[in-house]
Amino acid sequence: MKTKLLVLALAVSVSVCGQNLFQDDFSSYTTGADLHNQGQWTHNSSLPGGLGAALGALPNNADVLASPVAFLDYGASANSVAISPDSDGVGVGFTAVTDGDLYVGFVLNLSAAQANNNSDFFRVMSGNNLNTTFRLYAINTGFSYNIAIAKGANGNPLATSALSYSYNEDHLVIVKYSQLPGTSDDVVSLYVDPVYANGVPASTSAITNTGLDQSGSIDRLTFRMNWTNGMPTGKAGLVSVGRNWDDLTFVPLSTTQFNQSQLVIDSRDAKIGRLVIQSEIDLGEVAMKIINLNGAVVDNQKINLNSGANSIQTQPIAASGIYLLQLTDSKGDSLVRKIVIQ
């Protein structure tokens, strides 16, 4: 239930609108190891977001995967976290939001979901780990799945997306939670695969305001997977929390030489071992990696990027598909772009 500090918060006017509150692309973590105790993530139920370690006879840790996720204008990363039944309830805290709107986004790629929809796999909480503000569910429809949202306590009605989403594809999931003055009027809105650069879509994928509000100090999130029934299987990444839609993106602001330049990548000849990278400025020596969607590095070398068109010799890439091109300069600033090889 909401706290009674809303009037005080409004009077003091300390809102943190217009900023990102939390971001993690998992890129600095050890892959093949549990997300627990990497960064601020934890499954310790006494810490913000932690709902407990995996249970059962054959539990799975919520491992960091060397498996990329990406979505246009939102971000790209070579790493993600495993989602599976009987895994860790692993979460993290973030700067508390006491009023107004909150946006939470991540990229989801599921390989399987269950028809049983009585168990959420992701939740955001307020003030403690037992006070759930909203939940997300994945529901199998046969060859695809729906995403559903619910507000507040377990057992509240689900609002299910009208569209279903393909397995083994990256989908951008953004939830907007609007805190309103009453005790049962907060609104939770779901957007799946929006055109991120266009801002908040005019229509939602699902929306609900049913149930008692459990908000007032929203400050933690978790991938709640330490259960079996209803849990999907797959991966997620690029987790972001902000006060506004535009705050969520992982695409860097114009503060590094990468961002100050316009890079155009031509991958038409990648099968014979050639990329053309057009740059507006001289970037000097940079490290270049090409990574496939299984997380394997198919090319790793140092290159020079000068102003104009740069012809880069690479390992020939025989398999058609989507790859990630990562460029890292001498200061450690990185840029990741999705490229398509046909």
Protein backbone atom coordinates (compact mmCIF):
# COMPACT_ATOMS: atom_id res chain seq x y z
CA MET A 1 0.00 0.00 0.00
CA LYS A 2 1.17 3.55 -0.64
CA THR A 3 2.92 5.38 2.14
CA LYS A 4 1.41 8.61 3.48
CA LEU A 5 4.40 10.68 2.47
CA LEU A 6 3.03 11.76 -0.91
CA VAL A 7 2.03 15.25 0.23
CA LEU A 8 5.41 15.78 1.86
CA ALA A 9 7.23 14.58 -1.25
CA LEU A 10 5.25 16.97 -3.42
CA ALA A 11 5.84 19.88 -1.05
CA VAL A 12 9.58 19.33 -0.85
CA SER A 13 9.70 18.77 -4.62
CA VAL A 14 12.71 16.48 -4.72
CA SER A 15 11.56 14.49 -7.71
CA VAL A 16 14.34 12.90 -9.73
CA CYS A 17 12.54 13.22 -13.06
CA GLY A 18 14.61 13.13 -16.18
CA GLN A 19 17.31 10.63 -15.31
CA ASN A 20 18.27 7.00 -15.49
CA LEU A 21 18.06 5.28 -12.11
CA PHE A 22 19.70 1.96 -12.95
CA GLN A 23 21.27 0.26 -15.97
CA ASP A 24 23.10 -3.01 -16.44
CA ASP A 25 24.13 -4.74 -19.66
CA PHE A 26 26.07 -7.49 -17.81
CA SER A 27 29.08 -6.79 -20.06
CA SER A 28 31.61 -6.56 -17.20
CA TYR A 29 30.55 -9.79 -15.48
CA THR A 30 32.07 -13.26 -15.56
CA THR A 31 30.16 -15.43 -18.00
CA GLY A 32 29.27 -18.99 -17.05
CA ALA A 33 28.99 -17.85 -13.43
CA ASP A 34 26.02 -16.99 -11.23
CA LEU A 35 24.74 -13.41 -11.49
CA HIS A 36 24.47 -13.48 -7.67
CA ASN A 37 27.26 -11.36 -6.13
CA GLN A 38 28.22 -9.79 -9.47
CA GLY A 39 27.67 -6.04 -9.40
CA GLN A 40 24.85 -5.34 -6.94
CA TRP A 41 22.80 -8.40 -7.95
CA THR A 42 21.88 -10.84 -5.19
CA HIS A 43 19.64 -13.79 -4.39
CA ASN A 44 19.99 -13.07 -0.66
CA SER A 45 16.42 -12.47 0.52
CA SER A 46 17.63 -10.03 3.19
CA LEU A 47 18.94 -7.65 0.51
CA PRO A 48 16.97 -5.50 -1.99
CA GLY A 49 15.59 -7.63 -4.81
CA GLY A 50 16.86 -10.97 -3.53
CA LEU A 51 14.16 -13.64 -3.39
CA GLY A 52 16.32 -16.63 -2.59
CA ALA A 53 18.57 -19.14 -4.31
CA ALA A 54 17.30 -21.85 -6.63
CA LEU A 55 15.26 -24.61 -5.02
CA GLY A 56 14.65 -28.25 -5.88
CA ALA A 57 16.68 -31.34 -6.61
CA LEU A 58 18.41 -29.96 -9.71
CA PRO A 59 18.48 -26.19 -9.33
CA ASN A 60 19.97 -23.87 -11.94
CA ASN A 61 21.85 -20.72 -11.03
CA ALA A 62 20.88 -17.54 -12.84
CA ASP A 63 24.10 -17.57 -14.85
CA VAL A 64 25.53 -14.73 -16.90
CA LEU A 65 25.65 -15.90 -20.51
CA ALA A 66 28.03 -14.98 -23.31
CA SER A 67 24.93 -14.67 -25.48
CA PRO A 68 24.05 -11.32 -27.06
CA VAL A 69 20.80 -9.37 -27.01
CA ALA A 70 19.97 -6.20 -28.92
CA PHE A 71 17.13 -3.93 -29.96
CA LEU A 72 17.26 -1.02 -32.39
CA ASP A 73 17.92 2.38 -30.74
CA TYR A 74 17.64 0.81 -27.27
CA GLY A 75 20.98 -0.99 -27.00
CA ALA A 76 23.10 -4.06 -27.63
CA SER A 77 25.25 -6.26 -25.42
CA ALA A 78 27.32 -9.41 -25.87
CA ASN A 79 26.08 -10.76 -22.50
CA SER A 80 22.74 -11.63 -20.95
CA VAL A 81 21.36 -13.58 -17.97
CA ALA A 82 19.76 -17.02 -18.13
CA ILE A 83 16.05 -17.38 -17.41
CA SER A 84 14.86 -20.85 -16.44
CA PRO A 85 12.57 -22.68 -14.01
CA ASP A 86 13.99 -23.53 -10.59
CA SER A 87 16.67 -20.85 -10.83
CA ASP A 88 17.68 -17.96 -8.57
CA GLY A 89 15.34 -15.21 -7.48
CA VAL A 90 18.06 -12.69 -8.26
CA GLY A 91 17.49 -8.95 -8.04
CA VAL A 92 18.91 -5.52 -7.38
CA GLY A 93 17.96 -2.23 -5.78
CA PHE A 94 17.75 1.18 -7.44
CA THR A 95 17.02 4.79 -6.46
CA ALA A 96 13.55 4.91 -4.93
CA VAL A 97 10.66 6.53 -6.83
CA THR A 98 7.97 7.91 -4.54
CA ASP A 99 5.59 9.54 -7.02
CA GLY A 100 4.85 10.00 -10.71
CA ASP A 101 5.92 7.68 -13.52
CA LEU A 102 8.52 4.94 -13.54
CA TYR A 103 9.78 3.11 -16.64
CA VAL A 104 11.45 -0.31 -16.54
CA GLY A 105 12.86 -1.94 -19.67
CA PHE A 106 14.80 -5.01 -20.75
CA VAL A 107 15.36 -7.19 -23.80
CA LEU A 108 13.77 -10.64 -23.56
CA ASN A 109 14.49 -13.69 -25.69
CA LEU A 110 12.58 -16.85 -24.70
CA SER A 111 12.98 -20.34 -26.13
CA ALA A 112 10.05 -21.82 -24.19
CA ALA A 113 7.15 -20.83 -21.96
CA GLN A 114 4.49 -22.76 -20.07
CA ALA A 115 0.73 -22.62 -20.49
CA ASN A 116 0.40 -22.40 -16.70
CA ASN A 117 0.40 -18.66 -16.05
CA ASN A 118 0.20 -18.63 -12.24
CA SER A 119 3.86 -17.66 -11.73
CA ASP A 120 5.49 -14.37 -12.67
CA PHE A 121 9.10 -14.42 -13.83
CA PHE A 122 9.87 -10.73 -13.26
CA ARG A 123 8.68 -8.27 -10.66
CA VAL A 124 9.29 -4.78 -9.32
CA MET A 125 8.80 -4.08 -5.60
CA SER A 126 8.34 -1.15 -3.24
CA GLY A 127 10.16 -0.78 0.07
CA ASN A 128 10.71 -4.50 0.74
CA ASN A 129 10.91 -7.80 -1.10
CA LEU A 130 7.35 -8.82 -0.16
CA ASN A 131 5.59 -5.69 -1.42
CA THR A 132 5.22 -6.29 -5.16
CA THR A 133 4.27 -3.31 -7.31
CA PHE A 134 3.85 -5.18 -10.61
CA ARG A 135 4.62 -8.56 -12.19
CA LEU A 136 5.31 -9.97 -15.65
CA TYR A 137 4.24 -13.38 -16.97
CA ALA A 138 5.07 -15.37 -20.12
CA ILE A 139 2.26 -17.61 -21.42
CA ASN A 140 2.77 -20.24 -24.10
CA THR A 141 0.38 -20.07 -27.08
CA GLY A 142 1.82 -22.95 -29.08
CA PHE A 143 4.40 -21.55 -31.49
CA SER A 144 4.74 -18.23 -29.68
CA TYR A 145 3.94 -16.63 -26.33
CA ASN A 146 2.00 -13.78 -24.79
CA ILE A 147 3.31 -11.41 -22.14
CA ALA A 148 0.98 -10.46 -19.30
CA ILE A 149 1.13 -7.91 -16.50
CA ALA A 150 -0.55 -7.70 -13.11
CA LYS A 151 -0.52 -5.07 -10.40
CA GLY A 152 0.09 -5.62 -6.72
CA ALA A 153 -0.53 -8.81 -4.77
CA ASN A 154 -0.37 -12.29 -6.26
CA GLY A 155 -3.76 -13.38 -7.60
CA ASN A 156 -4.78 -10.05 -9.14
CA PRO A 157 -6.18 -10.37 -12.68
CA LEU A 158 -3.70 -10.48 -15.56
CA ALA A 159 -3.78 -8.10 -18.48
CA THR A 160 -2.47 -10.11 -21.44
CA SER A 161 -0.94 -8.76 -24.63
CA ALA A 162 -3.22 -8.96 -27.66
CA LEU A 163 -0.26 -10.01 -29.81
CA SER A 164 1.97 -13.02 -29.33
CA TYR A 165 5.74 -13.00 -29.75
CA SER A 166 8.11 -15.38 -31.51
CA TYR A 167 10.45 -17.64 -29.60
CA ASN A 168 14.22 -17.27 -30.03
CA GLU A 169 13.98 -13.60 -31.02
CA ASP A 170 14.94 -10.46 -29.11
CA HIS A 171 11.91 -8.48 -27.89
CA LEU A 172 12.02 -5.12 -26.13
CA VAL A 173 9.77 -5.08 -23.05
CA ILE A 174 9.02 -1.73 -21.38
CA VAL A 175 6.64 -1.25 -18.45
CA LYS A 176 5.38 2.16 -17.37
CA TYR A 177 4.06 2.40 -13.82
CA SER A 178 2.08 5.54 -12.96
CA GLN A 179 1.58 6.34 -9.26
CA LEU A 180 -1.67 8.24 -8.66
CA PRO A 181 -3.07 9.79 -5.44
CA GLY A 182 -5.57 7.06 -4.48
CA THR A 183 -4.98 3.61 -3.00
CA SER A 184 -6.25 1.53 -5.93
CA ASP A 185 -5.77 3.72 -9.00
CA ASP A 186 -2.14 3.25 -10.09
CA VAL A 187 -1.80 2.22 -13.74
CA VAL A 188 0.64 -0.31 -15.17
CA SER A 189 1.18 -0.19 -18.95
CA LEU A 190 3.05 -2.72 -21.08
CA TYR A 191 4.81 -1.97 -24.38
CA VAL A 192 6.40 -4.81 -26.34
CA ASP A 193 8.62 -4.21 -29.40
CA PRO A 194 7.90 -0.47 -29.69
CA VAL A 195 9.79 1.73 -32.13
CA TYR A 196 11.93 3.03 -29.32
CA ALA A 197 13.13 6.17 -31.09
CA ASN A 198 9.53 7.35 -31.55
CA GLY A 199 8.90 7.70 -27.80
CA VAL A 200 5.97 6.36 -25.79
CA PRO A 201 3.54 4.63 -28.19
CA ALA A 202 -0.02 5.89 -28.48
CA SER A 203 -1.37 2.43 -27.65
CA THR A 204 -0.24 -0.20 -25.16
CA SER A 205 0.36 -3.92 -25.56
CA ALA A 206 -1.60 -4.37 -22.31
CA ILE A 207 -2.78 -2.11 -19.49
CA THR A 208 -4.41 -2.52 -16.07
CA ASN A 209 -5.23 -0.57 -12.91
CA THR A 210 -6.98 -3.43 -11.10
CA GLY A 211 -5.94 -4.15 -7.52
CA LEU A 212 -4.66 -2.43 -4.42
CA ASP A 213 -1.63 -0.20 -5.06
CA GLN A 214 1.59 -1.53 -3.55
CA SER A 215 3.81 1.43 -4.31
CA GLY A 216 5.03 4.61 -2.63
CA SER A 217 8.76 3.83 -2.64
CA ILE A 218 9.50 1.68 -5.69
CA ASP A 219 13.13 0.69 -5.30
CA ARG A 220 13.98 -2.87 -6.41
CA LEU A 221 13.49 -5.42 -9.18
CA THR A 222 14.07 -9.14 -9.57
CA PHE A 223 14.05 -11.98 -12.06
CA ARG A 224 11.91 -14.21 -9.85
CA MET A 225 12.75 -17.72 -11.03
CA ASN A 226 13.11 -19.84 -7.89
CA TRP A 227 9.96 -21.75 -8.78
CA THR A 228 8.97 -24.30 -11.41
CA ASN A 229 5.34 -23.94 -12.52
CA GLY A 230 4.84 -21.20 -15.07
CA MET A 231 8.49 -20.25 -15.41
CA PRO A 232 9.78 -19.62 -18.95
CA THR A 233 13.20 -20.51 -20.40
CA GLY A 234 15.51 -18.16 -22.27
CA LYS A 235 17.59 -15.08 -21.55
CA ALA A 236 17.25 -11.39 -20.79
CA GLY A 237 19.54 -8.38 -20.80
CA LEU A 238 19.96 -4.63 -21.05
CA VAL A 239 18.00 -3.94 -17.86
CA SER A 240 17.20 -0.26 -17.38
CA VAL A 241 15.11 1.89 -15.01
CA GLY A 242 14.26 5.56 -15.53
CA ARG A 243 11.81 8.33 -14.83
CA ASN A 244 11.17 8.92 -18.54
CA TRP A 245 11.04 6.81 -21.69
CA ASP A 246 14.15 8.46 -23.14
CA ASP A 247 16.14 7.67 -19.99
CA LEU A 248 16.15 3.92 -20.67
CA THR A 249 18.37 3.66 -23.75
CA PHE A 250 21.86 2.19 -23.62
CA VAL A 251 22.86 4.08 -26.76
CA PRO A 252 25.45 6.50 -25.36
CA LEU A 253 24.99 10.25 -25.32
CA SER A 254 27.35 12.31 -27.43
CA THR A 255 30.24 12.33 -24.98
CA THR A 256 32.83 10.06 -26.63
CA GLN A 257 34.53 10.20 -29.99
CA PHE A 258 32.36 7.27 -31.10
CA ASN A 259 29.19 9.18 -30.41
CA GLN A 260 30.47 12.39 -31.92
CA SER A 261 31.12 10.57 -35.17
CA GLN A 262 28.66 9.06 -37.56
CA LEU A 263 29.58 5.47 -38.36
CA VAL A 264 27.98 3.69 -41.30
CA ILE A 265 28.79 -0.01 -41.62
CA ASP A 266 28.51 -1.86 -44.94
CA SER A 267 28.57 -5.63 -44.41
CA ARG A 268 27.58 -6.74 -47.92
CA ASP A 269 30.98 -8.33 -48.57
CA ALA A 270 31.46 -9.90 -45.13
CA LYS A 271 31.16 -13.39 -46.59
CA ILE A 272 34.40 -12.81 -48.50
CA GLY A 273 36.07 -11.13 -45.54
CA ARG A 274 35.49 -7.40 -46.05
CA LEU A 275 33.67 -4.67 -44.14
CA VAL A 276 33.46 -1.01 -45.09
CA ILE A 277 33.14 1.40 -42.17
CA GLN A 278 32.44 5.03 -43.01
CA SER A 279 33.46 7.50 -40.27
CA GLU A 280 33.01 11.26 -40.07
CA ILE A 281 36.17 11.73 -38.00
CA ASP A 282 39.53 10.06 -37.39
CA LEU A 283 39.09 7.54 -34.57
CA GLY A 284 42.61 6.08 -34.68
CA GLU A 285 43.29 2.54 -33.50
CA VAL A 286 40.30 0.67 -32.11
CA ALA A 287 39.67 -2.94 -31.11
CA MET A 288 37.07 -4.67 -33.26
CA LYS A 289 35.10 -7.82 -32.45
CA ILE A 290 32.41 -9.54 -34.49
CA ILE A 291 30.18 -11.76 -32.34
CA ASN A 292 27.49 -14.19 -33.48
CA LEU A 293 24.17 -14.67 -31.69
CA ASN A 294 25.55 -17.68 -29.82
CA GLY A 295 28.15 -15.42 -28.21
CA ALA A 296 31.10 -16.77 -30.22
CA VAL A 297 33.70 -14.23 -31.36
CA VAL A 298 34.20 -14.80 -35.10
CA ASP A 299 36.72 -11.96 -35.59
CA ASN A 300 38.93 -10.09 -33.10
CA GLN A 301 41.55 -7.57 -34.23
CA LYS A 302 42.91 -4.03 -33.95
CA ILE A 303 42.00 -1.70 -36.81
CA ASN A 304 42.53 1.94 -37.76
CA LEU A 305 39.46 4.03 -38.50
CA ASN A 306 40.19 7.21 -40.42
CA SER A 307 37.84 9.88 -41.67
CA GLY A 308 36.02 8.60 -44.74
CA ALA A 309 35.58 5.05 -46.00
CA ASN A 310 37.67 2.35 -44.31
CA SER A 311 38.00 -1.06 -45.98
CA ILE A 312 38.53 -3.65 -43.22
CA GLN A 313 39.75 -7.16 -43.91
CA THR A 314 38.04 -9.72 -41.64
CA GLN A 315 37.66 -13.44 -41.30
CA PRO A 316 35.22 -14.56 -44.00
CA ILE A 317 31.79 -15.17 -42.42
CA ALA A 318 30.00 -17.95 -44.27
CA ALA A 319 26.80 -18.18 -42.21
CA SER A 320 24.08 -15.65 -42.97
CA GLY A 321 22.39 -13.96 -40.03
CA ILE A 322 22.61 -11.18 -37.45
CA TYR A 323 25.94 -10.39 -35.77
CA LEU A 324 27.17 -7.77 -33.30
CA LEU A 325 30.09 -5.51 -34.24
CA GLN A 326 31.87 -4.11 -31.16
CA LEU A 327 34.40 -1.28 -31.41
CA THR A 328 36.45 -0.22 -28.36
CA ASP A 329 38.86 2.72 -28.32
CA SER A 330 42.01 3.22 -26.24
CA LYS A 331 40.01 4.85 -23.40
CA GLY A 332 37.75 1.84 -23.11
CA ASP A 333 34.69 3.51 -24.67
CA SER A 334 32.72 1.02 -26.72
CA LEU A 335 30.13 1.07 -29.45
CA VAL A 336 28.07 -1.99 -30.40
CA ARG A 337 26.16 -2.18 -33.68
CA LYS A 338 23.99 -4.94 -35.11
CA ILE A 339 25.00 -6.01 -38.64
CA VAL A 340 23.20 -8.33 -41.03
CA ILE A 341 25.13 -10.75 -43.24
CA GLN A 342 23.22 -12.18 -46.18
